[in-house]
Amino acid sequence: ERHSEAEAKIAKLEGVIESLKIELADAREAATTAR
């Protein structure tokens, strides 16, 4: 059960990391465009 819970948390965090990467890429692109 603990292993399954940990895997679910890891998957959720991986999803958050991917979202943050996309936001970072968008912010960099916007900054480059603005510059």
PDB file of all heavy atoms in Angstrom:
ATOM      1  N   GLU A   1       0.832  -1.202   0.000  1.00  0.00           N
ATOM      2  CA  GLU A   1       0.000   0.000   0.000  1.00  0.00           C
ATOM      3  C   GLU A   1       0.868   1.254   0.000  1.00  0.00           C
ATOM      4  O   GLU A   1       0.614   2.197  -0.760  1.00  0.00           O
ATOM      5  CB  GLU A   1      -0.920   0.020   1.226  1.00  0.00           C
ATOM      6  CG  GLU A   1      -2.093  -0.915   1.140  1.00  0.00           C
ATOM      7  CD  GLU A   1      -2.948  -0.875   2.401  1.00  0.00           C
ATOM      8  OE1 GLU A   1      -2.900   0.133   3.139  1.00  0.00           O
ATOM      9  OE2 GLU A   1      -3.660  -1.855   2.646  1.00  0.00           O
ATOM     10  N   ARG A   2       1.878   1.264   0.863  1.00  0.00           N
ATOM     11  CA  ARG A   2       2.769   2.428   0.930  1.00  0.00           C
ATOM     12  C   ARG A   2       3.512   2.625  -0.385  1.00  0.00           C
ATOM     13  O   ARG A   2       3.700   3.760  -0.836  1.00  0.00           O
ATOM     14  CB  ARG A   2       3.756   2.267   2.079  1.00  0.00           C
ATOM     15  CG  ARG A   2       3.108   2.424   3.427  1.00  0.00           C
ATOM     16  CD  ARG A   2       4.092   2.263   4.545  1.00  0.00           C
ATOM     17  NE  ARG A   2       3.417   2.299   5.831  1.00  0.00           N
ATOM     18  CZ  ARG A   2       3.858   1.703   6.910  1.00  0.00           C
ATOM     19  NH1 ARG A   2       4.990   1.032   6.877  1.00  0.00           N
ATOM     20  NH2 ARG A   2       3.184   1.777   8.036  1.00  0.00           N
ATOM     21  N   HIS A   3       3.925   1.522  -0.985  1.00  0.00           N
ATOM     22  CA  HIS A   3       4.627   1.610  -2.267  1.00  0.00           C
ATOM     23  C   HIS A   3       3.697   2.187  -3.335  1.00  0.00           C
ATOM     24  O   HIS A   3       4.093   3.048  -4.118  1.00  0.00           O
ATOM     25  CB  HIS A   3       5.135   0.227  -2.670  1.00  0.00           C
ATOM     26  CG  HIS A   3       5.900   0.218  -3.952  1.00  0.00           C
ATOM     27  ND1 HIS A   3       7.169   0.724  -4.058  1.00  0.00           N
ATOM     28  CD2 HIS A   3       5.553  -0.207  -5.191  1.00  0.00           C
ATOM     29  CE1 HIS A   3       7.577   0.602  -5.307  1.00  0.00           C
ATOM     30  NE2 HIS A   3       6.616   0.039  -6.016  1.00  0.00           N
ATOM     31  N   SER A   4       2.461   1.716  -3.344  1.00  0.00           N
ATOM     32  CA  SER A   4       1.479   2.218  -4.317  1.00  0.00           C
ATOM     33  C   SER A   4       1.204   3.704  -4.093  1.00  0.00           C
ATOM     34  O   SER A   4       1.122   4.477  -5.059  1.00  0.00           O
ATOM     35  CB  SER A   4       0.169   1.444  -4.208  1.00  0.00           C
ATOM     36  OG  SER A   4       0.368   0.094  -4.538  1.00  0.00           O
ATOM     37  N   GLU A   5       1.078   4.100  -2.821  1.00  0.00           N
ATOM     38  CA  GLU A   5       0.859   5.508  -2.514  1.00  0.00           C
ATOM     39  C   GLU A   5       2.052   6.352  -2.964  1.00  0.00           C
ATOM     40  O   GLU A   5       1.880   7.442  -3.525  1.00  0.00           O
ATOM     41  CB  GLU A   5       0.630   5.704  -1.013  1.00  0.00           C
ATOM     42  CG  GLU A   5      -0.696   5.164  -0.528  1.00  0.00           C
ATOM     43  CD  GLU A   5      -0.819   5.165   0.986  1.00  0.00           C
ATOM     44  OE1 GLU A   5       0.132   5.598   1.680  1.00  0.00           O
ATOM     45  OE2 GLU A   5      -1.868   4.732   1.486  1.00  0.00           O
ATOM     46  N   ALA A   6       3.258   5.831  -2.718  1.00  0.00           N
ATOM     47  CA  ALA A   6       4.460   6.553  -3.129  1.00  0.00           C
ATOM     48  C   ALA A   6       4.518   6.677  -4.651  1.00  0.00           C
ATOM     49  O   ALA A   6       4.885   7.744  -5.179  1.00  0.00           O
ATOM     50  CB  ALA A   6       5.711   5.843  -2.603  1.00  0.00           C
ATOM     51  N   GLU A   7       4.175   5.614  -5.355  1.00  0.00           N
ATOM     52  CA  GLU A   7       4.178   5.676  -6.819  1.00  0.00           C
ATOM     53  C   GLU A   7       3.156   6.699  -7.327  1.00  0.00           C
ATOM     54  O   GLU A   7       3.424   7.432  -8.276  1.00  0.00           O
ATOM     55  CB  GLU A   7       3.875   4.296  -7.411  1.00  0.00           C
ATOM     56  CG  GLU A   7       5.048   3.347  -7.360  1.00  0.00           C
ATOM     57  CD  GLU A   7       4.746   2.013  -8.004  1.00  0.00           C
ATOM     58  OE1 GLU A   7       3.550   1.654  -8.170  1.00  0.00           O
ATOM     59  OE2 GLU A   7       5.708   1.322  -8.362  1.00  0.00           O
ATOM     60  N   ALA A   8       1.998   6.760  -6.676  1.00  0.00           N
ATOM     61  CA  ALA A   8       0.967   7.729  -7.077  1.00  0.00           C
ATOM     62  C   ALA A   8       1.471   9.154  -6.834  1.00  0.00           C
ATOM     63  O   ALA A   8       1.285  10.042  -7.678  1.00  0.00           O
ATOM     64  CB  ALA A   8      -0.317   7.482  -6.301  1.00  0.00           C
ATOM     65  N   LYS A   9       2.133   9.375  -5.701  1.00  0.00           N
ATOM     66  CA  LYS A   9       2.678  10.702  -5.405  1.00  0.00           C
ATOM     67  C   LYS A   9       3.767  11.080  -6.405  1.00  0.00           C
ATOM     68  O   LYS A   9       3.832  12.223  -6.855  1.00  0.00           O
ATOM     69  CB  LYS A   9       3.244  10.742  -3.981  1.00  0.00           C
ATOM     70  CG  LYS A   9       2.183  10.761  -2.911  1.00  0.00           C
ATOM     71  CD  LYS A   9       2.792  10.773  -1.526  1.00  0.00           C
ATOM     72  CE  LYS A   9       1.718  10.741  -0.447  1.00  0.00           C
ATOM     73  NZ  LYS A   9       2.302  10.716   0.914  1.00  0.00           N
ATOM     74  N   ILE A  10       4.607  10.116  -6.735  1.00  0.00           N
ATOM     75  CA  ILE A  10       5.677  10.370  -7.709  1.00  0.00           C
ATOM     76  C   ILE A  10       5.077  10.722  -9.065  1.00  0.00           C
ATOM     77  O   ILE A  10       5.524  11.670  -9.727  1.00  0.00           O
ATOM     78  CB  ILE A  10       6.620   9.141  -7.815  1.00  0.00           C
ATOM     79  CG1 ILE A  10       7.452   9.021  -6.541  1.00  0.00           C
ATOM     80  CG2 ILE A  10       7.515   9.239  -9.043  1.00  0.00           C
ATOM     81  CD1 ILE A  10       8.242   7.733  -6.428  1.00  0.00           C
ATOM     82  N   ALA A  11       4.059   9.971  -9.485  1.00  0.00           N
ATOM     83  CA  ALA A  11       3.415  10.258 -10.773  1.00  0.00           C
ATOM     84  C   ALA A  11       2.803  11.653 -10.762  1.00  0.00           C
ATOM     85  O   ALA A  11       2.916  12.408 -11.748  1.00  0.00           O
ATOM     86  CB  ALA A  11       2.346   9.208 -11.067  1.00  0.00           C
ATOM     87  N   LYS A  12       2.167  12.019  -9.650  1.00  0.00           N
ATOM     88  CA  LYS A  12       1.566  13.338  -9.539  1.00  0.00           C
ATOM     89  C   LYS A  12       2.644  14.422  -9.611  1.00  0.00           C
ATOM     90  O   LYS A  12       2.495  15.426 -10.319  1.00  0.00           O
ATOM     91  CB  LYS A  12       0.794  13.449  -8.226  1.00  0.00           C
ATOM     92  CG  LYS A  12       0.019  14.732  -8.069  1.00  0.00           C
ATOM     93  CD  LYS A  12      -0.792  14.703  -6.774  1.00  0.00           C
ATOM     94  CE  LYS A  12      -1.604  15.978  -6.624  1.00  0.00           C
ATOM     95  NZ  LYS A  12      -2.408  15.965  -5.400  1.00  0.00           N
ATOM     96  N   LEU A  13       3.742  14.211  -8.882  1.00  0.00           N
ATOM     97  CA  LEU A  13       4.837  15.181  -8.900  1.00  0.00           C
ATOM     98  C   LEU A  13       5.488  15.269 -10.281  1.00  0.00           C
ATOM     99  O   LEU A  13       5.878  16.365 -10.715  1.00  0.00           O
ATOM    100  CB  LEU A  13       5.882  14.831  -7.840  1.00  0.00           C
ATOM    101  CG  LEU A  13       5.440  15.059  -6.396  1.00  0.00           C
ATOM    102  CD1 LEU A  13       6.491  14.508  -5.437  1.00  0.00           C
ATOM    103  CD2 LEU A  13       5.195  16.531  -6.124  1.00  0.00           C
ATOM    104  N   GLU A  14       5.588  14.151 -10.969  1.00  0.00           N
ATOM    105  CA  GLU A  14       6.135  14.181 -12.331  1.00  0.00           C
ATOM    106  C   GLU A  14       5.236  15.009 -13.246  1.00  0.00           C
ATOM    107  O   GLU A  14       5.723  15.746 -14.104  1.00  0.00           O
ATOM    108  CB  GLU A  14       6.314  12.760 -12.864  1.00  0.00           C
ATOM    109  CG  GLU A  14       7.495  12.034 -12.244  1.00  0.00           C
ATOM    110  CD  GLU A  14       7.603  10.579 -12.666  1.00  0.00           C
ATOM    111  OE1 GLU A  14       6.610  10.017 -13.206  1.00  0.00           O
ATOM    112  OE2 GLU A  14       8.676   9.996 -12.449  1.00  0.00           O
ATOM    113  N   GLY A  15       3.916  14.892 -13.048  1.00  0.00           N
ATOM    114  CA  GLY A  15       2.980  15.698 -13.821  1.00  0.00           C
ATOM    115  C   GLY A  15       3.151  17.177 -13.523  1.00  0.00           C
ATOM    116  O   GLY A  15       3.130  18.019 -14.441  1.00  0.00           O
ATOM    117  N   VAL A  16       3.352  17.509 -12.237  1.00  0.00           N
ATOM    118  CA  VAL A  16       3.569  18.902 -11.849  1.00  0.00           C
ATOM    119  C   VAL A  16       4.868  19.418 -12.466  1.00  0.00           C
ATOM    120  O   VAL A  16       4.923  20.544 -12.986  1.00  0.00           O
ATOM    121  CB  VAL A  16       3.595  19.035 -10.304  1.00  0.00           C
ATOM    122  CG1 VAL A  16       4.079  20.415  -9.879  1.00  0.00           C
ATOM    123  CG2 VAL A  16       2.218  18.746  -9.724  1.00  0.00           C
ATOM    124  N   ILE A  17       5.900  18.602 -12.437  1.00  0.00           N
ATOM    125  CA  ILE A  17       7.194  19.004 -13.014  1.00  0.00           C
ATOM    126  C   ILE A  17       7.048  19.277 -14.507  1.00  0.00           C
ATOM    127  O   ILE A  17       7.573  20.276 -15.021  1.00  0.00           O
ATOM    128  CB  ILE A  17       8.272  17.930 -12.739  1.00  0.00           C
ATOM    129  CG1 ILE A  17       8.635  17.930 -11.253  1.00  0.00           C
ATOM    130  CG2 ILE A  17       9.509  18.153 -13.597  1.00  0.00           C
ATOM    131  CD1 ILE A  17       9.501  16.757 -10.829  1.00  0.00           C
ATOM    132  N   GLU A  18       6.315  18.411 -15.207  1.00  0.00           N
ATOM    133  CA  GLU A  18       6.113  18.618 -16.643  1.00  0.00           C
ATOM    134  C   GLU A  18       5.357  19.915 -16.906  1.00  0.00           C
ATOM    135  O   GLU A  18       5.688  20.667 -17.828  1.00  0.00           O
ATOM    136  CB  GLU A  18       5.375  17.422 -17.263  1.00  0.00           C
ATOM    137  CG  GLU A  18       6.221  16.183 -17.399  1.00  0.00           C
ATOM    138  CD  GLU A  18       7.475  16.401 -18.226  1.00  0.00           C
ATOM    139  OE1 GLU A  18       7.397  17.024 -19.322  1.00  0.00           O
ATOM    140  OE2 GLU A  18       8.551  15.963 -17.776  1.00  0.00           O
ATOM    141  N   SER A  19       4.346  20.183 -16.076  1.00  0.00           N
ATOM    142  CA  SER A  19       3.591  21.444 -16.228  1.00  0.00           C
ATOM    143  C   SER A  19       4.502  22.645 -16.001  1.00  0.00           C
ATOM    144  O   SER A  19       4.440  23.644 -16.734  1.00  0.00           O
ATOM    145  CB  SER A  19       2.428  21.498 -15.227  1.00  0.00           C
ATOM    146  OG  SER A  19       1.489  20.505 -15.520  1.00  0.00           O
ATOM    147  N   LEU A  20       5.336  22.543 -14.973  1.00  0.00           N
ATOM    148  CA  LEU A  20       6.265  23.645 -14.684  1.00  0.00           C
ATOM    149  C   LEU A  20       7.283  23.829 -15.808  1.00  0.00           C
ATOM    150  O   LEU A  20       7.655  24.969 -16.136  1.00  0.00           O
ATOM    151  CB  LEU A  20       6.972  23.413 -13.345  1.00  0.00           C
ATOM    152  CG  LEU A  20       6.088  23.551 -12.105  1.00  0.00           C
ATOM    153  CD1 LEU A  20       6.855  23.131 -10.853  1.00  0.00           C
ATOM    154  CD2 LEU A  20       5.564  24.967 -11.964  1.00  0.00           C
ATOM    155  N   LYS A  21       7.718  22.746 -16.407  1.00  0.00           N
ATOM    156  CA  LYS A  21       8.657  22.844 -17.537  1.00  0.00           C
ATOM    157  C   LYS A  21       7.996  23.571 -18.703  1.00  0.00           C
ATOM    158  O   LYS A  21       8.622  24.406 -19.358  1.00  0.00           O
ATOM    159  CB  LYS A  21       9.115  21.444 -17.978  1.00  0.00           C
ATOM    160  CG  LYS A  21      10.142  20.812 -17.073  1.00  0.00           C
ATOM    161  CD  LYS A  21      10.546  19.441 -17.611  1.00  0.00           C
ATOM    162  CE  LYS A  21      11.555  18.755 -16.728  1.00  0.00           C
ATOM    163  NZ  LYS A  21      11.908  17.415 -17.245  1.00  0.00           N
ATOM    164  N   ILE A  22       6.725  23.231 -18.963  1.00  0.00           N
ATOM    165  CA  ILE A  22       5.992  23.885 -20.049  1.00  0.00           C
ATOM    166  C   ILE A  22       5.835  25.367 -19.747  1.00  0.00           C
ATOM    167  O   ILE A  22       6.068  26.227 -20.614  1.00  0.00           O
ATOM    168  CB  ILE A  22       4.615  23.203 -20.265  1.00  0.00           C
ATOM    169  CG1 ILE A  22       4.823  21.789 -20.823  1.00  0.00           C
ATOM    170  CG2 ILE A  22       3.732  24.030 -21.178  1.00  0.00           C
ATOM    171  CD1 ILE A  22       3.576  20.935 -20.842  1.00  0.00           C
ATOM    172  N   GLU A  23       5.455  25.694 -18.485  1.00  0.00           N
ATOM    173  CA  GLU A  23       5.310  27.100 -18.104  1.00  0.00           C
ATOM    174  C   GLU A  23       6.641  27.836 -18.222  1.00  0.00           C
ATOM    175  O   GLU A  23       6.690  28.982 -18.683  1.00  0.00           O
ATOM    176  CB  GLU A  23       4.786  27.217 -16.664  1.00  0.00           C
ATOM    177  CG  GLU A  23       3.317  26.894 -16.525  1.00  0.00           C
ATOM    178  CD  GLU A  23       2.838  27.096 -15.103  1.00  0.00           C
ATOM    179  OE1 GLU A  23       3.322  28.026 -14.423  1.00  0.00           O
ATOM    180  OE2 GLU A  23       1.966  26.319 -14.669  1.00  0.00           O
ATOM    181  N   LEU A  24       7.726  27.189 -17.823  1.00  0.00           N
ATOM    182  CA  LEU A  24       9.053  27.805 -17.921  1.00  0.00           C
ATOM    183  C   LEU A  24       9.428  28.049 -19.373  1.00  0.00           C
ATOM    184  O   LEU A  24       9.929  29.124 -19.733  1.00  0.00           O
ATOM    185  CB  LEU A  24      10.102  26.928 -17.239  1.00  0.00           C
ATOM    186  CG  LEU A  24      11.549  27.415 -17.278  1.00  0.00           C
ATOM    187  CD1 LEU A  24      11.677  28.760 -16.559  1.00  0.00           C
ATOM    188  CD2 LEU A  24      12.486  26.396 -16.653  1.00  0.00           C
ATOM    189  N   ALA A  25       9.154  27.079 -20.226  1.00  0.00           N
ATOM    190  CA  ALA A  25       9.462  27.239 -21.653  1.00  0.00           C
ATOM    191  C   ALA A  25       8.635  28.381 -22.242  1.00  0.00           C
ATOM    192  O   ALA A  25       9.163  29.206 -23.012  1.00  0.00           O
ATOM    193  CB  ALA A  25       9.186  25.943 -22.396  1.00  0.00           C
ATOM    194  N   ASP A  26       7.352  28.443 -21.853  1.00  0.00           N
ATOM    195  CA  ASP A  26       6.496  29.535 -22.334  1.00  0.00           C
ATOM    196  C   ASP A  26       7.006  30.885 -21.831  1.00  0.00           C
ATOM    197  O   ASP A  26       7.035  31.877 -22.584  1.00  0.00           O
ATOM    198  CB  ASP A  26       5.043  29.329 -21.893  1.00  0.00           C
ATOM    199  CG  ASP A  26       4.374  28.152 -22.597  1.00  0.00           C
ATOM    200  OD1 ASP A  26       4.929  27.671 -23.609  1.00  0.00           O
ATOM    201  OD2 ASP A  26       3.301  27.706 -22.114  1.00  0.00           O
ATOM    202  N   ALA A  27       7.418  30.947 -20.556  1.00  0.00           N
ATOM    203  CA  ALA A  27       7.922  32.197 -19.984  1.00  0.00           C
ATOM    204  C   ALA A  27       9.216  32.614 -20.673  1.00  0.00           C
ATOM    205  O   ALA A  27       9.425  33.804 -20.959  1.00  0.00           O
ATOM    206  CB  ALA A  27       8.139  32.044 -18.484  1.00  0.00           C
ATOM    207  N   ARG A  28      10.092  31.666 -20.966  1.00  0.00           N
ATOM    208  CA  ARG A  28      11.345  31.977 -21.662  1.00  0.00           C
ATOM    209  C   ARG A  28      11.061  32.505 -23.068  1.00  0.00           C
ATOM    210  O   ARG A  28      11.673  33.468 -23.527  1.00  0.00           O
ATOM    211  CB  ARG A  28      12.243  30.738 -21.742  1.00  0.00           C
ATOM    212  CG  ARG A  28      12.936  30.417 -20.451  1.00  0.00           C
ATOM    213  CD  ARG A  28      13.841  29.235 -20.608  1.00  0.00           C
ATOM    214  NE  ARG A  28      14.530  28.933 -19.355  1.00  0.00           N
ATOM    215  CZ  ARG A  28      15.128  27.812 -19.102  1.00  0.00           C
ATOM    216  NH1 ARG A  28      15.136  26.838 -20.009  1.00  0.00           N
ATOM    217  NH2 ARG A  28      15.738  27.631 -17.947  1.00  0.00           N
ATOM    218  N   GLU A  29      10.121  31.840 -23.739  1.00  0.00           N
ATOM    219  CA  GLU A  29       9.765  32.267 -25.088  1.00  0.00           C
ATOM    220  C   GLU A  29       9.176  33.676 -25.058  1.00  0.00           C
ATOM    221  O   GLU A  29       9.518  34.524 -25.891  1.00  0.00           O
ATOM    222  CB  GLU A  29       8.759  31.287 -25.699  1.00  0.00           C
ATOM    223  CG  GLU A  29       8.432  31.589 -27.144  1.00  0.00           C
ATOM    224  CD  GLU A  29       7.470  30.564 -27.732  1.00  0.00           C
ATOM    225  OE1 GLU A  29       7.506  29.396 -27.319  1.00  0.00           O
ATOM    226  OE2 GLU A  29       6.689  30.961 -28.613  1.00  0.00           O
ATOM    227  N   ALA A  30       8.305  33.941 -24.049  1.00  0.00           N
ATOM    228  CA  ALA A  30       7.705  35.271 -23.930  1.00  0.00           C
ATOM    229  C   ALA A  30       8.777  36.318 -23.617  1.00  0.00           C
ATOM    230  O   ALA A  30       8.765  37.433 -24.160  1.00  0.00           O
ATOM    231  CB  ALA A  30       6.635  35.274 -22.851  1.00  0.00           C
ATOM    232  N   ALA A  31       9.729  35.961 -22.764  1.00  0.00           N
ATOM    233  CA  ALA A  31      10.807  36.890 -22.416  1.00  0.00           C
ATOM    234  C   ALA A  31      11.683  37.159 -23.623  1.00  0.00           C
ATOM    235  O   ALA A  31      12.106  38.302 -23.868  1.00  0.00           O
ATOM    236  CB  ALA A  31      11.634  36.326 -21.264  1.00  0.00           C
ATOM    237  N   THR A  32      11.976  36.115 -24.387  1.00  0.00           N
ATOM    238  CA  THR A  32      12.793  36.290 -25.593  1.00  0.00           C
ATOM    239  C   THR A  32      12.057  37.164 -26.593  1.00  0.00           C
ATOM    240  O   THR A  32      12.653  38.070 -27.204  1.00  0.00           O
ATOM    241  CB  THR A  32      13.114  34.914 -26.224  1.00  0.00           C
ATOM    242  OG1 THR A  32      13.788  34.112 -25.258  1.00  0.00           O
ATOM    243  CG2 THR A  32      13.976  35.061 -27.453  1.00  0.00           C
ATOM    244  N   THR A  33      10.777  36.937 -26.775  1.00  0.00           N
ATOM    245  CA  THR A  33       9.969  37.735 -27.698  1.00  0.00           C
ATOM    246  C   THR A  33       9.936  39.194 -27.235  1.00  0.00           C
ATOM    247  O   THR A  33      10.092  40.120 -28.050  1.00  0.00           O
ATOM    248  CB  THR A  33       8.535  37.168 -27.790  1.00  0.00           C
ATOM    249  OG1 THR A  33       8.610  35.802 -28.187  1.00  0.00           O
ATOM    250  CG2 THR A  33       7.696  37.936 -28.781  1.00  0.00           C
ATOM    251  N   ALA A  34       9.756  39.389 -25.935  1.00  0.00           N
ATOM    252  CA  ALA A  34       9.715  40.761 -25.405  1.00  0.00           C
ATOM    253  C   ALA A  34      11.055  41.447 -25.574  1.00  0.00           C
ATOM    254  O   ALA A  34      11.133  42.624 -25.927  1.00  0.00           O
ATOM    255  CB  ALA A  34       9.305  40.745 -23.945  1.00  0.00           C
ATOM    256  N   ARG A  35      12.146  40.743 -25.332  1.00  0.00           N
ATOM    257  CA  ARG A  35      13.486  41.304 -25.486  1.00  0.00           C
ATOM    258  C   ARG A  35      13.752  41.665 -26.951  1.00  0.00           C
ATOM    259  O   ARG A  35      14.282  42.728 -27.261  1.00  0.00           O
ATOM    260  CB  ARG A  35      14.532  40.321 -24.975  1.00  0.00           C
ATOM    261  CG  ARG A  35      15.939  40.929 -24.972  1.00  0.00           C
ATOM    262  CD  ARG A  35      16.998  39.919 -24.585  1.00  0.00           C
ATOM    263  NE  ARG A  35      17.011  38.886 -25.620  1.00  0.00           N
ATOM    264  CZ  ARG A  35      17.332  37.606 -25.415  1.00  0.00           C
ATOM    265  NH1 ARG A  35      17.686  37.206 -24.245  1.00  0.00           N
ATOM    266  NH2 ARG A  35      17.306  36.745 -26.388  1.00  0.00           N
TER     267      ARG A  35
END
